[in-house]
Amino acid sequence: MAGGWARDDAVNDQIEVSTAEAVARARLRLHAPLREAAEVCADCDEPIPAARRAAIPGVQLCVACQSGRDRQARPAGGINRRASKDSQLK
């Protein structure tokens, strides 16, 4: 039930493309070559516990530094740029 000049299944097409892009990004990260886990944090030079190195392959940051980066990270998206202008006004 699309409005205007869009096809009836245009919304489904947008959802499929967005989902396919997200899956492709996840697969790219999954198959990226892993570095060897560091014994000291790359940011603060504090030692990284052996349990963390065993749990997270290729870890480069301690818990405190990784938590700080996670807080600063901006979520991806928010606006469906493929949607019509009318759907963004709602």
PDB file of N, CA and C in Angstrom:
ATOM      1  N   MET A   1       0.825  -1.173   0.000  1.00  0.00           N
ATOM      2  CA  MET A   1       0.000   0.000   0.000  1.00  0.00           C
ATOM      3  C   MET A   1       0.876   1.245   0.000  1.00  0.00           C
ATOM      4  N   ALA A   2       1.672   1.371  -1.003  1.00  0.00           N
ATOM      5  CA  ALA A   2       2.525   2.555  -1.122  1.00  0.00           C
ATOM      6  C   ALA A   2       1.725   3.694  -1.739  1.00  0.00           C
ATOM      7  N   GLY A   3       2.120   4.898  -1.406  1.00  0.00           N
ATOM      8  CA  GLY A   3       1.418   6.048  -1.959  1.00  0.00           C
ATOM      9  C   GLY A   3       2.230   6.709  -3.051  1.00  0.00           C
ATOM     10  N   GLY A   4       1.643   7.595  -3.759  1.00  0.00           N
ATOM     11  CA  GLY A   4       2.357   8.320  -4.809  1.00  0.00           C
ATOM     12  C   GLY A   4       2.651   7.419  -5.990  1.00  0.00           C
ATOM     13  N   TRP A   5       3.867   7.552  -6.516  1.00  0.00           N
ATOM     14  CA  TRP A   5       4.237   6.785  -7.700  1.00  0.00           C
ATOM     15  C   TRP A   5       5.038   5.544  -7.359  1.00  0.00           C
ATOM     16  N   ALA A   6       5.175   5.221  -6.090  1.00  0.00           N
ATOM     17  CA  ALA A   6       5.934   4.039  -5.703  1.00  0.00           C
ATOM     18  C   ALA A   6       5.126   2.772  -5.965  1.00  0.00           C
ATOM     19  N   ARG A   7       5.853   1.702  -6.247  1.00  0.00           N
ATOM     20  CA  ARG A   7       5.191   0.415  -6.442  1.00  0.00           C
ATOM     21  C   ARG A   7       4.645  -0.077  -5.107  1.00  0.00           C
ATOM     22  N   ASP A   8       3.735  -1.014  -5.150  1.00  0.00           N
ATOM     23  CA  ASP A   8       3.131  -1.536  -3.925  1.00  0.00           C
ATOM     24  C   ASP A   8       4.143  -2.246  -3.032  1.00  0.00           C
ATOM     25  N   ASP A   9       5.151  -2.855  -3.603  1.00  0.00           N
ATOM     26  CA  ASP A   9       6.126  -3.587  -2.798  1.00  0.00           C
ATOM     27  C   ASP A   9       7.419  -2.793  -2.570  1.00  0.00           C
ATOM     28  N   ALA A  10       7.390  -1.485  -2.738  1.00  0.00           N
ATOM     29  CA  ALA A  10       8.592  -0.665  -2.592  1.00  0.00           C
ATOM     30  C   ALA A  10       9.132  -0.694  -1.162  1.00  0.00           C
ATOM     31  N   VAL A  11       8.262  -0.717  -0.171  1.00  0.00           N
ATOM     32  CA  VAL A  11       8.703  -0.749   1.223  1.00  0.00           C
ATOM     33  C   VAL A  11       9.436  -2.051   1.505  1.00  0.00           C
ATOM     34  N   ASN A  12       8.911  -3.161   1.017  1.00  0.00           N
ATOM     35  CA  ASN A  12       9.581  -4.445   1.204  1.00  0.00           C
ATOM     36  C   ASN A  12      10.949  -4.456   0.540  1.00  0.00           C
ATOM     37  N   ASP A  13      11.055  -3.853  -0.632  1.00  0.00           N
ATOM     38  CA  ASP A  13      12.346  -3.757  -1.316  1.00  0.00           C
ATOM     39  C   ASP A  13      13.345  -2.967  -0.481  1.00  0.00           C
ATOM     40  N   GLN A  14      12.897  -1.874   0.132  1.00  0.00           N
ATOM     41  CA  GLN A  14      13.779  -1.068   0.980  1.00  0.00           C
ATOM     42  C   GLN A  14      14.256  -1.864   2.181  1.00  0.00           C
ATOM     43  N   ILE A  15      13.361  -2.608   2.788  1.00  0.00           N
ATOM     44  CA  ILE A  15      13.720  -3.426   3.949  1.00  0.00           C
ATOM     45  C   ILE A  15      14.725  -4.494   3.553  1.00  0.00           C
ATOM     46  N   GLU A  16      14.507  -5.149   2.428  1.00  0.00           N
ATOM     47  CA  GLU A  16      15.421  -6.193   1.970  1.00  0.00           C
ATOM     48  C   GLU A  16      16.814  -5.643   1.688  1.00  0.00           C
ATOM     49  N   VAL A  17      16.898  -4.473   1.061  1.00  0.00           N
ATOM     50  CA  VAL A  17      18.199  -3.880   0.756  1.00  0.00           C
ATOM     51  C   VAL A  17      18.913  -3.479   2.047  1.00  0.00           C
ATOM     52  N   SER A  18      18.200  -2.866   2.964  1.00  0.00           N
ATOM     53  CA  SER A  18      18.808  -2.465   4.237  1.00  0.00           C
ATOM     54  C   SER A  18      19.319  -3.676   5.010  1.00  0.00           C
ATOM     55  N   THR A  19      18.533  -4.735   5.017  1.00  0.00           N
ATOM     56  CA  THR A  19      18.935  -5.959   5.707  1.00  0.00           C
ATOM     57  C   THR A  19      20.148  -6.584   5.036  1.00  0.00           C
ATOM     58  N   ALA A  20      20.148  -6.633   3.709  1.00  0.00           N
ATOM     59  CA  ALA A  20      21.277  -7.208   2.980  1.00  0.00           C
ATOM     60  C   ALA A  20      22.561  -6.421   3.243  1.00  0.00           C
ATOM     61  N   GLU A  21      22.467  -5.093   3.313  1.00  0.00           N
ATOM     62  CA  GLU A  21      23.644  -4.275   3.597  1.00  0.00           C
ATOM     63  C   GLU A  21      24.174  -4.535   5.002  1.00  0.00           C
ATOM     64  N   ALA A  22      23.281  -4.669   5.972  1.00  0.00           N
ATOM     65  CA  ALA A  22      23.704  -4.939   7.349  1.00  0.00           C
ATOM     66  C   ALA A  22      24.373  -6.306   7.452  1.00  0.00           C
ATOM     67  N   VAL A  23      23.824  -7.296   6.779  1.00  0.00           N
ATOM     68  CA  VAL A  23      24.413  -8.633   6.787  1.00  0.00           C
ATOM     69  C   VAL A  23      25.790  -8.609   6.121  1.00  0.00           C
ATOM     70  N   ALA A  24      25.923  -7.886   5.026  1.00  0.00           N
ATOM     71  CA  ALA A  24      27.217  -7.800   4.335  1.00  0.00           C
ATOM     72  C   ALA A  24      28.269  -7.148   5.231  1.00  0.00           C
ATOM     73  N   ARG A  25      27.892  -6.085   5.962  1.00  0.00           N
ATOM     74  CA  ARG A  25      28.843  -5.445   6.880  1.00  0.00           C
ATOM     75  C   ARG A  25      29.256  -6.405   7.991  1.00  0.00           C
ATOM     76  N   ALA A  26      28.307  -7.159   8.531  1.00  0.00           N
ATOM     77  CA  ALA A  26      28.611  -8.109   9.609  1.00  0.00           C
ATOM     78  C   ALA A  26      29.527  -9.221   9.110  1.00  0.00           C
ATOM     79  N   ARG A  27      29.261  -9.724   7.906  1.00  0.00           N
ATOM     80  CA  ARG A  27      30.116 -10.784   7.353  1.00  0.00           C
ATOM     81  C   ARG A  27      31.519 -10.272   7.072  1.00  0.00           C
ATOM     82  N   LEU A  28      31.635  -9.030   6.644  1.00  0.00           N
ATOM     83  CA  LEU A  28      32.948  -8.456   6.381  1.00  0.00           C
ATOM     84  C   LEU A  28      33.767  -8.393   7.666  1.00  0.00           C
ATOM     85  N   ARG A  29      33.137  -7.953   8.759  1.00  0.00           N
ATOM     86  CA  ARG A  29      33.832  -7.909  10.048  1.00  0.00           C
ATOM     87  C   ARG A  29      34.154  -9.306  10.556  1.00  0.00           C
ATOM     88  N   LEU A  30      33.259 -10.256  10.298  1.00  0.00           N
ATOM     89  CA  LEU A  30      33.452 -11.620  10.788  1.00  0.00           C
ATOM     90  C   LEU A  30      34.654 -12.283  10.134  1.00  0.00           C
ATOM     91  N   HIS A  31      34.861 -12.021   8.860  1.00  0.00           N
ATOM     92  CA  HIS A  31      35.929 -12.682   8.121  1.00  0.00           C
ATOM     93  C   HIS A  31      37.202 -11.847   8.021  1.00  0.00           C
ATOM     94  N   ALA A  32      37.235 -10.722   8.709  1.00  0.00           N
ATOM     95  CA  ALA A  32      38.443  -9.893   8.699  1.00  0.00           C
ATOM     96  C   ALA A  32      39.562 -10.646   9.429  1.00  0.00           C
ATOM     97  N   PRO A  33      40.787 -10.554   8.936  1.00  0.00           N
ATOM     98  CA  PRO A  33      41.884 -11.264   9.602  1.00  0.00           C
ATOM     99  C   PRO A  33      42.090 -10.728  11.017  1.00  0.00           C
ATOM    100  N   LEU A  34      42.274 -11.649  11.947  1.00  0.00           N
ATOM    101  CA  LEU A  34      42.454 -11.272  13.347  1.00  0.00           C
ATOM    102  C   LEU A  34      43.931 -11.074  13.663  1.00  0.00           C
ATOM    103  N   ARG A  35      44.206 -10.028  14.429  1.00  0.00           N
ATOM    104  CA  ARG A  35      45.554  -9.841  14.931  1.00  0.00           C
ATOM    105  C   ARG A  35      45.704 -10.669  16.193  1.00  0.00           C
ATOM    106  N   GLU A  36      46.916 -10.898  16.581  1.00  0.00           N
ATOM    107  CA  GLU A  36      47.166 -11.584  17.835  1.00  0.00           C
ATOM    108  C   GLU A  36      46.784 -10.649  18.983  1.00  0.00           C
ATOM    109  N   ALA A  37      46.226 -11.210  20.040  1.00  0.00           N
ATOM    110  CA  ALA A  37      45.809 -10.401  21.186  1.00  0.00           C
ATOM    111  C   ALA A  37      47.032  -9.743  21.829  1.00  0.00           C
ATOM    112  N   ALA A  38      46.872  -8.472  22.168  1.00  0.00           N
ATOM    113  CA  ALA A  38      47.956  -7.734  22.816  1.00  0.00           C
ATOM    114  C   ALA A  38      47.981  -8.046  24.304  1.00  0.00           C
ATOM    115  N   GLU A  39      49.154  -7.997  24.892  1.00  0.00           N
ATOM    116  CA  GLU A  39      49.264  -8.227  26.332  1.00  0.00           C
ATOM    117  C   GLU A  39      49.092  -6.929  27.115  1.00  0.00           C
ATOM    118  N   VAL A  40      49.330  -5.803  26.459  1.00  0.00           N
ATOM    119  CA  VAL A  40      49.105  -4.498  27.092  1.00  0.00           C
ATOM    120  C   VAL A  40      48.175  -3.685  26.210  1.00  0.00           C
ATOM    121  N   CYS A  41      47.394  -2.818  26.823  1.00  0.00           N
ATOM    122  CA  CYS A  41      46.407  -1.999  26.112  1.00  0.00           C
ATOM    123  C   CYS A  41      47.108  -1.039  25.155  1.00  0.00           C
ATOM    124  N   ALA A  42      46.555  -0.906  23.962  1.00  0.00           N
ATOM    125  CA  ALA A  42      47.126  -0.013  22.953  1.00  0.00           C
ATOM    126  C   ALA A  42      46.948   1.458  23.332  1.00  0.00           C
ATOM    127  N   ASP A  43      45.971   1.769  24.175  1.00  0.00           N
ATOM    128  CA  ASP A  43      45.725   3.162  24.552  1.00  0.00           C
ATOM    129  C   ASP A  43      46.455   3.582  25.826  1.00  0.00           C
ATOM    130  N   CYS A  44      46.356   2.765  26.876  1.00  0.00           N
ATOM    131  CA  CYS A  44      46.865   3.205  28.182  1.00  0.00           C
ATOM    132  C   CYS A  44      48.063   2.399  28.687  1.00  0.00           C
ATOM    133  N   ASP A  45      48.507   1.401  27.967  1.00  0.00           N
ATOM    134  CA  ASP A  45      49.659   0.553  28.329  1.00  0.00           C
ATOM    135  C   ASP A  45      49.468  -0.234  29.617  1.00  0.00           C
ATOM    136  N   GLU A  46      48.225  -0.412  30.051  1.00  0.00           N
ATOM    137  CA  GLU A  46      47.937  -1.272  31.195  1.00  0.00           C
ATOM    138  C   GLU A  46      47.872  -2.722  30.710  1.00  0.00           C
ATOM    139  N   PRO A  47      48.218  -3.692  31.551  1.00  0.00           N
ATOM    140  CA  PRO A  47      48.151  -5.091  31.117  1.00  0.00           C
ATOM    141  C   PRO A  47      46.702  -5.537  30.886  1.00  0.00           C
ATOM    142  N   ILE A  48      46.506  -6.350  29.859  1.00  0.00           N
ATOM    143  CA  ILE A  48      45.187  -6.924  29.559  1.00  0.00           C
ATOM    144  C   ILE A  48      45.154  -8.306  30.199  1.00  0.00           C
ATOM    145  N   PRO A  49      44.170  -8.593  31.053  1.00  0.00           N
ATOM    146  CA  PRO A  49      44.120  -9.893  31.734  1.00  0.00           C
ATOM    147  C   PRO A  49      44.050 -11.056  30.735  1.00  0.00           C
ATOM    148  N   ALA A  50      44.644 -12.181  31.135  1.00  0.00           N
ATOM    149  CA  ALA A  50      44.677 -13.361  30.272  1.00  0.00           C
ATOM    150  C   ALA A  50      43.269 -13.858  29.946  1.00  0.00           C
ATOM    151  N   ALA A  51      42.347 -13.733  30.889  1.00  0.00           N
ATOM    152  CA  ALA A  51      40.968 -14.181  30.637  1.00  0.00           C
ATOM    153  C   ALA A  51      40.326 -13.359  29.517  1.00  0.00           C
ATOM    154  N   ARG A  52      40.597 -12.063  29.470  1.00  0.00           N
ATOM    155  CA  ARG A  52      40.048 -11.216  28.405  1.00  0.00           C
ATOM    156  C   ARG A  52      40.680 -11.576  27.065  1.00  0.00           C
ATOM    157  N   ARG A  53      41.987 -11.809  27.060  1.00  0.00           N
ATOM    158  CA  ARG A  53      42.658 -12.189  25.815  1.00  0.00           C
ATOM    159  C   ARG A  53      42.135 -13.518  25.289  1.00  0.00           C
ATOM    160  N   ALA A  54      41.807 -14.451  26.199  1.00  0.00           N
ATOM    161  CA  ALA A  54      41.283 -15.752  25.772  1.00  0.00           C
ATOM    162  C   ALA A  54      39.845 -15.636  25.279  1.00  0.00           C
ATOM    163  N   ALA A  55      39.064 -14.748  25.898  1.00  0.00           N
ATOM    164  CA  ALA A  55      37.646 -14.615  25.555  1.00  0.00           C
ATOM    165  C   ALA A  55      37.426 -13.853  24.253  1.00  0.00           C
ATOM    166  N   ILE A  56      38.296 -12.876  23.962  1.00  0.00           N
ATOM    167  CA  ILE A  56      38.111 -12.026  22.784  1.00  0.00           C
ATOM    168  C   ILE A  56      39.355 -12.124  21.906  1.00  0.00           C
ATOM    169  N   PRO A  57      39.302 -12.923  20.847  1.00  0.00           N
ATOM    170  CA  PRO A  57      40.474 -13.064  19.977  1.00  0.00           C
ATOM    171  C   PRO A  57      40.860 -11.728  19.348  1.00  0.00           C
ATOM    172  N   GLY A  58      42.142 -11.421  19.386  1.00  0.00           N
ATOM    173  CA  GLY A  58      42.636 -10.199  18.758  1.00  0.00           C
ATOM    174  C   GLY A  58      42.401  -8.932  19.553  1.00  0.00           C
ATOM    175  N   VAL A  59      42.055  -9.041  20.824  1.00  0.00           N
ATOM    176  CA  VAL A  59      41.757  -7.863  21.638  1.00  0.00           C
ATOM    177  C   VAL A  59      42.998  -6.968  21.737  1.00  0.00           C
ATOM    178  N   GLN A  60      42.783  -5.657  21.640  1.00  0.00           N
ATOM    179  CA  GLN A  60      43.889  -4.702  21.697  1.00  0.00           C
ATOM    180  C   GLN A  60      43.732  -3.685  22.826  1.00  0.00           C
ATOM    181  N   LEU A  61      42.529  -3.627  23.431  1.00  0.00           N
ATOM    182  CA  LEU A  61      42.255  -2.624  24.464  1.00  0.00           C
ATOM    183  C   LEU A  61      41.814  -3.286  25.765  1.00  0.00           C
ATOM    184  N   CYS A  62      42.128  -2.624  26.883  1.00  0.00           N
ATOM    185  CA  CYS A  62      41.639  -3.095  28.180  1.00  0.00           C
ATOM    186  C   CYS A  62      40.145  -2.775  28.296  1.00  0.00           C
ATOM    187  N   VAL A  63      39.516  -3.277  29.331  1.00  0.00           N
ATOM    188  CA  VAL A  63      38.075  -3.077  29.514  1.00  0.00           C
ATOM    189  C   VAL A  63      37.735  -1.594  29.635  1.00  0.00           C
ATOM    190  N   ALA A  64      38.515  -0.851  30.404  1.00  0.00           N
ATOM    191  CA  ALA A  64      38.219   0.570  30.620  1.00  0.00           C
ATOM    192  C   ALA A  64      38.301   1.359  29.316  1.00  0.00           C
ATOM    193  N   CYS A  65      39.338   1.143  28.532  1.00  0.00           N
ATOM    194  CA  CYS A  65      39.489   1.884  27.271  1.00  0.00           C
ATOM    195  C   CYS A  65      38.437   1.479  26.254  1.00  0.00           C
ATOM    196  N   GLN A  66      38.105   0.178  26.194  1.00  0.00           N
ATOM    197  CA  GLN A  66      37.075  -0.273  25.263  1.00  0.00           C
ATOM    198  C   GLN A  66      35.715   0.289  25.657  1.00  0.00           C
ATOM    199  N   SER A  67      35.443   0.360  26.964  1.00  0.00           N
ATOM    200  CA  SER A  67      34.177   0.937  27.424  1.00  0.00           C
ATOM    201  C   SER A  67      34.076   2.403  27.024  1.00  0.00           C
ATOM    202  N   GLY A  68      35.183   3.133  27.143  1.00  0.00           N
ATOM    203  CA  GLY A  68      35.189   4.538  26.742  1.00  0.00           C
ATOM    204  C   GLY A  68      34.915   4.710  25.254  1.00  0.00           C
ATOM    205  N   ARG A  69      35.510   3.852  24.435  1.00  0.00           N
ATOM    206  CA  ARG A  69      35.262   3.928  22.990  1.00  0.00           C
ATOM    207  C   ARG A  69      33.821   3.562  22.657  1.00  0.00           C
ATOM    208  N   ASP A  70      33.282   2.568  23.366  1.00  0.00           N
ATOM    209  CA  ASP A  70      31.893   2.162  23.112  1.00  0.00           C
ATOM    210  C   ASP A  70      30.920   3.284  23.442  1.00  0.00           C
ATOM    211  N   ARG A  71      31.191   4.044  24.505  1.00  0.00           N
ATOM    212  CA  ARG A  71      30.321   5.164  24.867  1.00  0.00           C
ATOM    213  C   ARG A  71      30.382   6.273  23.829  1.00  0.00           C
ATOM    214  N   GLN A  72      31.542   6.461  23.195  1.00  0.00           N
ATOM    215  CA  GLN A  72      31.708   7.519  22.211  1.00  0.00           C
ATOM    216  C   GLN A  72      31.178   7.134  20.836  1.00  0.00           C
ATOM    217  N   ALA A  73      31.016   5.842  20.594  1.00  0.00           N
ATOM    218  CA  ALA A  73      30.571   5.383  19.273  1.00  0.00           C
ATOM    219  C   ALA A  73      29.151   5.861  19.000  1.00  0.00           C
ATOM    220  N   ARG A  74      28.922   6.304  17.779  1.00  0.00           N
ATOM    221  CA  ARG A  74      27.590   6.769  17.388  1.00  0.00           C
ATOM    222  C   ARG A  74      26.866   5.617  16.709  1.00  0.00           C
ATOM    223  N   PRO A  75      25.596   5.411  17.024  1.00  0.00           N
ATOM    224  CA  PRO A  75      24.851   4.352  16.351  1.00  0.00           C
ATOM    225  C   PRO A  75      24.680   4.662  14.868  1.00  0.00           C
ATOM    226  N   ALA A  76      24.703   3.621  14.074  1.00  0.00           N
ATOM    227  CA  ALA A  76      24.559   3.800  12.624  1.00  0.00           C
ATOM    228  C   ALA A  76      23.100   4.040  12.273  1.00  0.00           C
ATOM    229  N   GLY A  77      22.881   4.905  11.330  1.00  0.00           N
ATOM    230  CA  GLY A  77      21.541   5.103  10.791  1.00  0.00           C
ATOM    231  C   GLY A  77      20.691   6.038  11.615  1.00  0.00           C
ATOM    232  N   GLY A  78      19.425   5.722  11.641  1.00  0.00           N
ATOM    233  CA  GLY A  78      18.462   6.567  12.329  1.00  0.00           C
ATOM    234  C   GLY A  78      17.412   7.067  11.368  1.00  0.00           C
ATOM    235  N   ILE A  79      17.832   7.370  10.146  1.00  0.00           N
ATOM    236  CA  ILE A  79      16.899   7.829   9.116  1.00  0.00           C
ATOM    237  C   ILE A  79      17.048   6.894   7.928  1.00  0.00           C
ATOM    238  N   ASN A  80      15.956   6.388   7.464  1.00  0.00           N
ATOM    239  CA  ASN A  80      15.972   5.552   6.272  1.00  0.00           C
ATOM    240  C   ASN A  80      16.061   6.488   5.072  1.00  0.00           C
ATOM    241  N   ARG A  81      17.230   6.627   4.513  1.00  0.00           N
ATOM    242  CA  ARG A  81      17.445   7.582   3.426  1.00  0.00           C
ATOM    243  C   ARG A  81      16.781   7.153   2.130  1.00  0.00           C
ATOM    244  N   ARG A  82      16.330   5.909   2.050  1.00  0.00           N
ATOM    245  CA  ARG A  82      15.650   5.445   0.848  1.00  0.00           C
ATOM    246  C   ARG A  82      14.149   5.722   0.912  1.00  0.00           C
ATOM    247  N   ALA A  83      13.659   6.107   2.066  1.00  0.00           N
ATOM    248  CA  ALA A  83      12.231   6.317   2.234  1.00  0.00           C
ATOM    249  C   ALA A  83      11.797   7.616   1.544  1.00  0.00           C
ATOM    250  N   SER A  84      10.525   7.717   1.329  1.00  0.00           N
ATOM    251  CA  SER A  84       9.995   8.927   0.710  1.00  0.00           C
ATOM    252  C   SER A  84      10.003  10.083   1.706  1.00  0.00           C
ATOM    253  N   LYS A  85       9.909  11.282   1.203  1.00  0.00           N
ATOM    254  CA  LYS A  85       9.904  12.451   2.081  1.00  0.00           C
ATOM    255  C   LYS A  85       8.686  12.429   3.001  1.00  0.00           C
ATOM    256  N   ASP A  86       7.562  11.928   2.510  1.00  0.00           N
ATOM    257  CA  ASP A  86       6.350  11.897   3.323  1.00  0.00           C
ATOM    258  C   ASP A  86       6.527  11.024   4.555  1.00  0.00           C
ATOM    259  N   SER A  87       7.240   9.887   4.427  1.00  0.00           N
ATOM    260  CA  SER A  87       7.399   9.004   5.577  1.00  0.00           C
ATOM    261  C   SER A  87       8.314   9.623   6.619  1.00  0.00           C
ATOM    262  N   GLN A  88       9.210  10.534   6.230  1.00  0.00           N
ATOM    263  CA  GLN A  88      10.099  11.168   7.179  1.00  0.00           C
ATOM    264  C   GLN A  88       9.414  12.307   7.932  1.00  0.00           C
ATOM    265  N   LEU A  89       8.307  12.788   7.427  1.00  0.00           N
ATOM    266  CA  LEU A  89       7.588  13.885   8.089  1.00  0.00           C
ATOM    267  C   LEU A  89       6.734  13.392   9.233  1.00  0.00           C
ATOM    268  N   LYS A  90       6.424  12.128   9.260  1.00  0.00           N
ATOM    269  CA  LYS A  90       5.543  11.572  10.304  1.00  0.00           C
ATOM    270  C   LYS A  90       6.242  11.473  11.613  1.00  0.00           C
TER     271      LYS A  90
END
